[in-house]
């Protein structure tokens, strides 16, 4: 069983790095007349997702990181 210990350790390191990239660093919400209009979520990997309350607009995904 010890023959796979190196593979297990590298997989654990890879999963830990992926979890760190999913962490949220900031959330910005814009309001207009008491209802939210736009919400921007920034992740530590550099990914920025902008969601709109208006269903006619699609969500925007922008990447500013190393990926």
N, C-alpha and C. Protein backbone atom coordinates (compact mmCIF):
# COMPACT_ATOMS: atom_id res chain seq x y z
N UNK A 1 0.80 -1.20 0.00
CA UNK A 1 0.00 0.00 0.00
C UNK A 1 0.84 1.27 0.00
N UNK A 2 2.08 1.17 0.42
CA UNK A 2 2.91 2.37 0.47
C UNK A 2 3.36 2.82 -0.91
N UNK A 3 3.14 2.01 -1.91
CA UNK A 3 3.55 2.38 -3.26
C UNK A 3 2.73 3.54 -3.81
N UNK A 4 1.56 3.80 -3.25
CA UNK A 4 0.70 4.87 -3.74
C UNK A 4 0.71 6.11 -2.86
N UNK A 5 1.53 6.11 -1.83
CA UNK A 5 1.51 7.24 -0.89
C UNK A 5 1.96 8.55 -1.56
N UNK A 6 2.90 8.51 -2.47
CA UNK A 6 3.32 9.73 -3.18
C UNK A 6 2.19 10.27 -4.05
N UNK A 7 1.47 9.37 -4.72
CA UNK A 7 0.35 9.79 -5.55
C UNK A 7 -0.76 10.42 -4.71
N UNK A 8 -0.99 9.85 -3.54
CA UNK A 8 -2.03 10.37 -2.65
C UNK A 8 -1.63 11.76 -2.15
N UNK A 9 -0.38 11.95 -1.81
CA UNK A 9 0.08 13.25 -1.32
C UNK A 9 -0.01 14.33 -2.41
N UNK A 10 0.35 13.98 -3.64
CA UNK A 10 0.25 14.97 -4.72
C UNK A 10 -1.20 15.31 -5.01
N UNK A 11 -2.10 14.31 -4.93
CA UNK A 11 -3.52 14.57 -5.15
C UNK A 11 -4.10 15.46 -4.04
N UNK A 12 -3.68 15.24 -2.80
CA UNK A 12 -4.13 16.08 -1.69
C UNK A 12 -3.67 17.52 -1.89
N UNK A 13 -2.44 17.69 -2.34
CA UNK A 13 -1.92 19.04 -2.58
C UNK A 13 -2.69 19.71 -3.72
N UNK A 14 -3.00 18.97 -4.76
CA UNK A 14 -3.76 19.51 -5.88
C UNK A 14 -5.17 19.91 -5.46
N UNK A 15 -5.83 19.09 -4.66
CA UNK A 15 -7.17 19.42 -4.18
C UNK A 15 -7.16 20.62 -3.24
N UNK A 16 -6.13 20.74 -2.41
CA UNK A 16 -6.03 21.90 -1.51
C UNK A 16 -5.84 23.18 -2.31
N UNK A 17 -5.06 23.11 -3.38
CA UNK A 17 -4.85 24.29 -4.23
C UNK A 17 -6.14 24.68 -4.95
N UNK A 18 -6.90 23.71 -5.40
CA UNK A 18 -8.17 23.99 -6.06
C UNK A 18 -9.17 24.62 -5.09
N UNK A 19 -9.21 24.15 -3.86
CA UNK A 19 -10.10 24.72 -2.86
C UNK A 19 -9.72 26.16 -2.53
N UNK A 20 -8.42 26.44 -2.52
CA UNK A 20 -7.97 27.80 -2.23
C UNK A 20 -8.39 28.75 -3.35
N UNK A 21 -8.39 28.29 -4.60
CA UNK A 21 -8.79 29.12 -5.72
C UNK A 21 -10.28 29.43 -5.70
N UNK A 22 -11.08 28.60 -5.03
CA UNK A 22 -12.52 28.80 -4.97
C UNK A 22 -12.94 29.77 -3.87
N UNK A 23 -12.01 30.22 -3.05
CA UNK A 23 -12.34 31.12 -1.95
C UNK A 23 -12.78 32.48 -2.49
N UNK A 24 -13.81 33.03 -1.87
CA UNK A 24 -14.33 34.34 -2.27
C UNK A 24 -13.56 35.42 -1.54
N UNK A 25 -13.08 36.40 -2.29
CA UNK A 25 -12.33 37.50 -1.67
C UNK A 25 -13.20 38.71 -1.44
N UNK A 26 -14.17 38.96 -2.34
CA UNK A 26 -15.05 40.11 -2.13
C UNK A 26 -16.37 39.92 -2.86
N UNK A 27 -17.40 40.57 -2.32
CA UNK A 27 -18.72 40.60 -2.94
C UNK A 27 -19.18 42.05 -2.97
N UNK A 28 -19.58 42.50 -4.13
CA UNK A 28 -20.08 43.87 -4.28
C UNK A 28 -21.50 43.79 -4.82
N UNK A 29 -22.44 44.43 -4.12
CA UNK A 29 -23.83 44.44 -4.53
C UNK A 29 -24.28 45.87 -4.76
N UNK A 30 -24.91 46.11 -5.89
CA UNK A 30 -25.41 47.45 -6.22
C UNK A 30 -26.93 47.44 -6.13
N UNK A 31 -27.46 48.47 -5.48
CA UNK A 31 -28.90 48.58 -5.26
C UNK A 31 -29.46 49.78 -6.02
N UNK A 32 -30.72 49.67 -6.42
CA UNK A 32 -31.44 50.77 -7.04
C UNK A 32 -32.89 50.72 -6.55
N UNK A 33 -33.30 51.74 -5.84
CA UNK A 33 -34.65 51.83 -5.27
C UNK A 33 -34.98 50.65 -4.36
N UNK A 34 -34.03 50.21 -3.58
CA UNK A 34 -34.26 49.18 -2.58
C UNK A 34 -34.13 47.75 -3.06
N UNK A 35 -33.90 47.50 -4.32
CA UNK A 35 -33.70 46.14 -4.82
C UNK A 35 -32.32 46.03 -5.44
N UNK A 36 -31.73 44.85 -5.34
CA UNK A 36 -30.40 44.69 -5.90
C UNK A 36 -30.50 44.58 -7.42
N UNK A 37 -29.56 45.20 -8.09
CA UNK A 37 -29.55 45.24 -9.54
C UNK A 37 -28.41 44.40 -10.11
N UNK A 38 -27.25 44.47 -9.45
CA UNK A 38 -26.04 43.81 -9.95
C UNK A 38 -25.21 43.35 -8.76
N UNK A 39 -24.66 42.13 -8.87
CA UNK A 39 -23.81 41.60 -7.81
C UNK A 39 -22.56 41.01 -8.44
N UNK A 40 -21.40 41.44 -7.94
CA UNK A 40 -20.12 40.97 -8.45
C UNK A 40 -19.41 40.19 -7.36
N UNK A 41 -18.99 38.97 -7.68
CA UNK A 41 -18.27 38.10 -6.75
C UNK A 41 -16.87 37.88 -7.32
N UNK A 42 -15.84 38.13 -6.50
CA UNK A 42 -14.45 37.97 -6.93
C UNK A 42 -13.84 36.83 -6.14
N UNK A 43 -13.23 35.88 -6.84
CA UNK A 43 -12.59 34.73 -6.23
C UNK A 43 -11.08 34.95 -6.16
N UNK A 44 -10.39 34.19 -5.32
CA UNK A 44 -8.95 34.37 -5.14
C UNK A 44 -8.16 33.94 -6.37
N UNK A 45 -8.74 33.17 -7.26
CA UNK A 45 -8.04 32.75 -8.47
C UNK A 45 -8.03 33.85 -9.54
N UNK A 46 -8.79 34.92 -9.31
CA UNK A 46 -8.87 36.00 -10.29
C UNK A 46 -10.15 35.97 -11.09
N UNK A 47 -10.99 34.99 -10.84
CA UNK A 47 -12.26 34.87 -11.55
C UNK A 47 -13.24 35.89 -10.97
N UNK A 48 -13.95 36.58 -11.84
CA UNK A 48 -14.93 37.59 -11.42
C UNK A 48 -16.26 37.26 -12.10
N UNK A 49 -17.31 37.02 -11.29
CA UNK A 49 -18.63 36.68 -11.80
C UNK A 49 -19.58 37.82 -11.47
N UNK A 50 -20.24 38.35 -12.49
CA UNK A 50 -21.21 39.42 -12.31
C UNK A 50 -22.59 38.87 -12.62
N UNK A 51 -23.48 38.94 -11.63
CA UNK A 51 -24.84 38.46 -11.79
C UNK A 51 -25.78 39.66 -11.84
N UNK A 52 -26.79 39.56 -12.68
CA UNK A 52 -27.76 40.63 -12.83
C UNK A 52 -29.13 40.15 -12.36
N UNK A 53 -29.88 41.05 -11.72
CA UNK A 53 -31.23 40.72 -11.27
C UNK A 53 -32.18 40.67 -12.45
N UNK A 54 -31.90 41.39 -13.50
CA UNK A 54 -32.70 41.40 -14.72
C UNK A 54 -32.42 40.10 -15.47
N UNK A 55 -33.41 39.26 -15.63
CA UNK A 55 -33.22 37.93 -16.24
C UNK A 55 -32.92 38.02 -17.73
N UNK A 56 -33.11 39.18 -18.33
CA UNK A 56 -32.79 39.33 -19.75
C UNK A 56 -31.29 39.42 -19.99
N UNK A 57 -30.54 39.78 -18.95
CA UNK A 57 -29.09 39.88 -19.07
C UNK A 57 -28.45 38.58 -18.60
N UNK A 58 -27.42 38.15 -19.28
CA UNK A 58 -26.70 36.94 -18.90
C UNK A 58 -25.62 37.28 -17.89
N UNK A 59 -25.24 36.30 -17.08
CA UNK A 59 -24.15 36.47 -16.13
C UNK A 59 -22.83 36.60 -16.88
N UNK A 60 -21.94 37.43 -16.36
CA UNK A 60 -20.62 37.63 -16.97
C UNK A 60 -19.57 36.91 -16.14
N UNK A 61 -18.67 36.19 -16.79
CA UNK A 61 -17.54 35.55 -16.11
C UNK A 61 -16.27 36.09 -16.76
N UNK A 62 -15.44 36.74 -15.95
CA UNK A 62 -14.18 37.30 -16.43
C UNK A 62 -13.05 36.67 -15.63
N UNK A 63 -11.91 36.48 -16.26
CA UNK A 63 -10.76 35.87 -15.62
C UNK A 63 -9.60 36.84 -15.64
N UNK A 64 -9.05 37.14 -14.47
CA UNK A 64 -7.91 38.04 -14.35
C UNK A 64 -6.71 37.35 -13.72
N UNK A 65 -6.78 36.04 -13.52
CA UNK A 65 -5.73 35.34 -12.81
C UNK A 65 -4.78 34.62 -13.72
N UNK A 66 -4.07 33.66 -13.17
CA UNK A 66 -3.06 32.91 -13.88
C UNK A 66 -3.67 31.78 -14.71
N UNK A 67 -4.92 31.42 -14.46
CA UNK A 67 -5.53 30.26 -15.14
C UNK A 67 -5.78 30.52 -16.58
